[in-house]
């Protein structure tokens, strides 16, 4: 289940964010996050990402989930069917679980 986010929630909250936006290191994750935010183009703002509580990222060919670790409201994420590196399995996913995020993989 992906939570819909309104356009207002994806607007920048600071002058710096308005210029820079957020960089997502994994292109497949960026595409999935854009879908979740209903924002096909333009900068992705931290304020929009932080409004996400649930993400379905199944079978998206995502290799790097490090961008998810700063999402304070994220409570569940489905990651099944993605090609995971040892860093993701042993570092990134445990970081999410330690924050109380329900993770399937």
C-alpha atoms as a PDB file:
ATOM      1  CA  UNK A   1       0.000   0.000   0.000  1.00  0.00           C
ATOM      2  CA  UNK A   2       1.432   3.359  -0.984  1.00  0.00           C
ATOM      3  CA  UNK A   3       0.259   6.468   0.768  1.00  0.00           C
ATOM      4  CA  UNK A   4      -0.841   9.323  -1.469  1.00  0.00           C
ATOM      5  CA  UNK A   5       0.751  12.680  -0.747  1.00  0.00           C
ATOM      6  CA  UNK A   6      -0.734  15.992  -1.846  1.00  0.00           C
ATOM      7  CA  UNK A   7       1.270  18.498  -3.868  1.00  0.00           C
ATOM      8  CA  UNK A   8       1.292  20.865  -0.896  1.00  0.00           C
ATOM      9  CA  UNK A   9       3.150  18.316   1.203  1.00  0.00           C
ATOM     10  CA  UNK A  10       5.881  18.053  -1.406  1.00  0.00           C
ATOM     11  CA  UNK A  11       6.786  21.731  -1.426  1.00  0.00           C
ATOM     12  CA  UNK A  12      10.135  22.870   0.012  1.00  0.00           C
ATOM     13  CA  UNK A  13      10.205  23.893   3.658  1.00  0.00           C
ATOM     14  CA  UNK A  14      13.376  25.998   3.493  1.00  0.00           C
ATOM     15  CA  UNK A  15      15.197  28.199   0.995  1.00  0.00           C
ATOM     16  CA  UNK A  16      18.063  25.698   0.743  1.00  0.00           C
ATOM     17  CA  UNK A  17      15.692  22.810   0.082  1.00  0.00           C
ATOM     18  CA  UNK A  18      13.897  24.874  -2.583  1.00  0.00           C
ATOM     19  CA  UNK A  19      17.139  25.185  -4.528  1.00  0.00           C
ATOM     20  CA  UNK A  20      18.666  21.762  -3.927  1.00  0.00           C
ATOM     21  CA  UNK A  21      15.875  19.261  -3.357  1.00  0.00           C
ATOM     22  CA  UNK A  22      16.949  15.777  -2.237  1.00  0.00           C
ATOM     23  CA  UNK A  23      19.350  13.456  -4.048  1.00  0.00           C
ATOM     24  CA  UNK A  24      18.333   9.784  -4.165  1.00  0.00           C
ATOM     25  CA  UNK A  25      21.436   7.681  -4.962  1.00  0.00           C
ATOM     26  CA  UNK A  26      19.513   4.721  -6.449  1.00  0.00           C
ATOM     27  CA  UNK A  27      17.637   5.552  -9.665  1.00  0.00           C
ATOM     28  CA  UNK A  28      15.114   2.711  -9.235  1.00  0.00           C
ATOM     29  CA  UNK A  29      14.342   3.922  -5.697  1.00  0.00           C
ATOM     30  CA  UNK A  30      13.952   7.475  -6.998  1.00  0.00           C
ATOM     31  CA  UNK A  31      11.407   6.287  -9.581  1.00  0.00           C
ATOM     32  CA  UNK A  32       9.491   4.339  -6.909  1.00  0.00           C
ATOM     33  CA  UNK A  33       9.501   7.326  -4.540  1.00  0.00           C
ATOM     34  CA  UNK A  34       8.309   9.625  -7.327  1.00  0.00           C
ATOM     35  CA  UNK A  35       5.414   7.219  -7.921  1.00  0.00           C
ATOM     36  CA  UNK A  36       4.577   7.178  -4.202  1.00  0.00           C
ATOM     37  CA  UNK A  37       4.675  10.987  -4.101  1.00  0.00           C
ATOM     38  CA  UNK A  38       2.795  11.321  -7.395  1.00  0.00           C
ATOM     39  CA  UNK A  39       5.647  13.577  -8.588  1.00  0.00           C
ATOM     40  CA  UNK A  40       6.879  12.378 -11.996  1.00  0.00           C
ATOM     41  CA  UNK A  41       9.383  15.218 -12.452  1.00  0.00           C
ATOM     42  CA  UNK A  42      11.053  18.125 -10.714  1.00  0.00           C
ATOM     43  CA  UNK A  43      12.910  18.194  -7.409  1.00  0.00           C
ATOM     44  CA  UNK A  44      11.976  15.796  -4.635  1.00  0.00           C
ATOM     45  CA  UNK A  45      11.817  17.571  -1.289  1.00  0.00           C
ATOM     46  CA  UNK A  46      12.637  16.108   2.107  1.00  0.00           C
ATOM     47  CA  UNK A  47       9.306  17.370   3.429  1.00  0.00           C
ATOM     48  CA  UNK A  48       7.474  15.236   0.870  1.00  0.00           C
ATOM     49  CA  UNK A  49       9.550  12.145   1.639  1.00  0.00           C
ATOM     50  CA  UNK A  50       9.063  12.569   5.376  1.00  0.00           C
ATOM     51  CA  UNK A  51       5.304  12.428   4.936  1.00  0.00           C
ATOM     52  CA  UNK A  52       5.494   8.821   3.664  1.00  0.00           C
ATOM     53  CA  UNK A  53       4.418   6.193   6.183  1.00  0.00           C
ATOM     54  CA  UNK A  54       4.215   3.119   3.949  1.00  0.00           C
ATOM     55  CA  UNK A  55       6.073   2.094   0.781  1.00  0.00           C
ATOM     56  CA  UNK A  56       5.570  -0.846  -1.548  1.00  0.00           C
ATOM     57  CA  UNK A  57       8.924  -1.255  -3.311  1.00  0.00           C
ATOM     58  CA  UNK A  58       8.459  -4.878  -4.412  1.00  0.00           C
ATOM     59  CA  UNK A  59      10.270  -5.952  -7.603  1.00  0.00           C
ATOM     60  CA  UNK A  60      11.693  -2.524  -8.458  1.00  0.00           C
ATOM     61  CA  UNK A  61      15.333  -3.589  -8.985  1.00  0.00           C
ATOM     62  CA  UNK A  62      16.412  -1.346  -6.081  1.00  0.00           C
ATOM     63  CA  UNK A  63      19.988  -1.837  -4.860  1.00  0.00           C
ATOM     64  CA  UNK A  64      20.410   1.011  -2.341  1.00  0.00           C
ATOM     65  CA  UNK A  65      17.838   1.836   0.347  1.00  0.00           C
ATOM     66  CA  UNK A  66      20.050   4.261   2.299  1.00  0.00           C
ATOM     67  CA  UNK A  67      17.730   7.157   1.407  1.00  0.00           C
ATOM     68  CA  UNK A  68      14.971   5.535   3.489  1.00  0.00           C
ATOM     69  CA  UNK A  69      16.895   5.673   6.765  1.00  0.00           C
ATOM     70  CA  UNK A  70      16.060   9.351   7.364  1.00  0.00           C
ATOM     71  CA  UNK A  71      12.298   9.018   6.871  1.00  0.00           C
ATOM     72  CA  UNK A  72      10.958   9.560  10.376  1.00  0.00           C
ATOM     73  CA  UNK A  73       7.313   8.640   9.692  1.00  0.00           C
ATOM     74  CA  UNK A  74       8.000   5.456   7.698  1.00  0.00           C
ATOM     75  CA  UNK A  75       6.479   2.492   9.540  1.00  0.00           C
ATOM     76  CA  UNK A  76       6.369  -0.216   6.877  1.00  0.00           C
ATOM     77  CA  UNK A  77       8.174  -0.990   3.653  1.00  0.00           C
ATOM     78  CA  UNK A  78       7.918  -3.982   1.344  1.00  0.00           C
ATOM     79  CA  UNK A  79      11.255  -4.755  -0.322  1.00  0.00           C
ATOM     80  CA  UNK A  80      10.682  -8.264  -1.685  1.00  0.00           C
ATOM     81  CA  UNK A  81      12.135  -9.171  -5.073  1.00  0.00           C
ATOM     82  CA  UNK A  82      14.996  -6.661  -5.157  1.00  0.00           C
ATOM     83  CA  UNK A  83      18.684  -7.628  -5.674  1.00  0.00           C
ATOM     84  CA  UNK A  84      20.281  -6.913  -2.294  1.00  0.00           C
ATOM     85  CA  UNK A  85      23.952  -6.387  -1.580  1.00  0.00           C
ATOM     86  CA  UNK A  86      25.460  -7.554   1.695  1.00  0.00           C
ATOM     87  CA  UNK A  87      25.495  -3.927   2.913  1.00  0.00           C
ATOM     88  CA  UNK A  88      21.739  -3.632   2.416  1.00  0.00           C
ATOM     89  CA  UNK A  89      21.007  -6.963   4.111  1.00  0.00           C
ATOM     90  CA  UNK A  90      23.377  -6.501   7.057  1.00  0.00           C
ATOM     91  CA  UNK A  91      23.388  -2.704   7.549  1.00  0.00           C
ATOM     92  CA  UNK A  92      20.552  -0.791   5.882  1.00  0.00           C
ATOM     93  CA  UNK A  93      17.601  -3.110   6.572  1.00  0.00           C
ATOM     94  CA  UNK A  94      18.607  -3.572  10.251  1.00  0.00           C
ATOM     95  CA  UNK A  95      18.832   0.248  10.567  1.00  0.00           C
ATOM     96  CA  UNK A  96      15.222   0.494   9.388  1.00  0.00           C
ATOM     97  CA  UNK A  97      14.100  -2.317  11.704  1.00  0.00           C
ATOM     98  CA  UNK A  98      15.876  -0.692  14.653  1.00  0.00           C
ATOM     99  CA  UNK A  99      13.718   2.398  14.067  1.00  0.00           C
ATOM    100  CA  UNK A 100      10.605   0.223  14.327  1.00  0.00           C
ATOM    101  CA  UNK A 101       9.919  -0.027  10.581  1.00  0.00           C
ATOM    102  CA  UNK A 102       8.207  -3.257   9.498  1.00  0.00           C
ATOM    103  CA  UNK A 103      10.310  -4.609   6.613  1.00  0.00           C
ATOM    104  CA  UNK A 104       9.645  -7.548   4.301  1.00  0.00           C
ATOM    105  CA  UNK A 105      12.402  -8.770   2.001  1.00  0.00           C
END
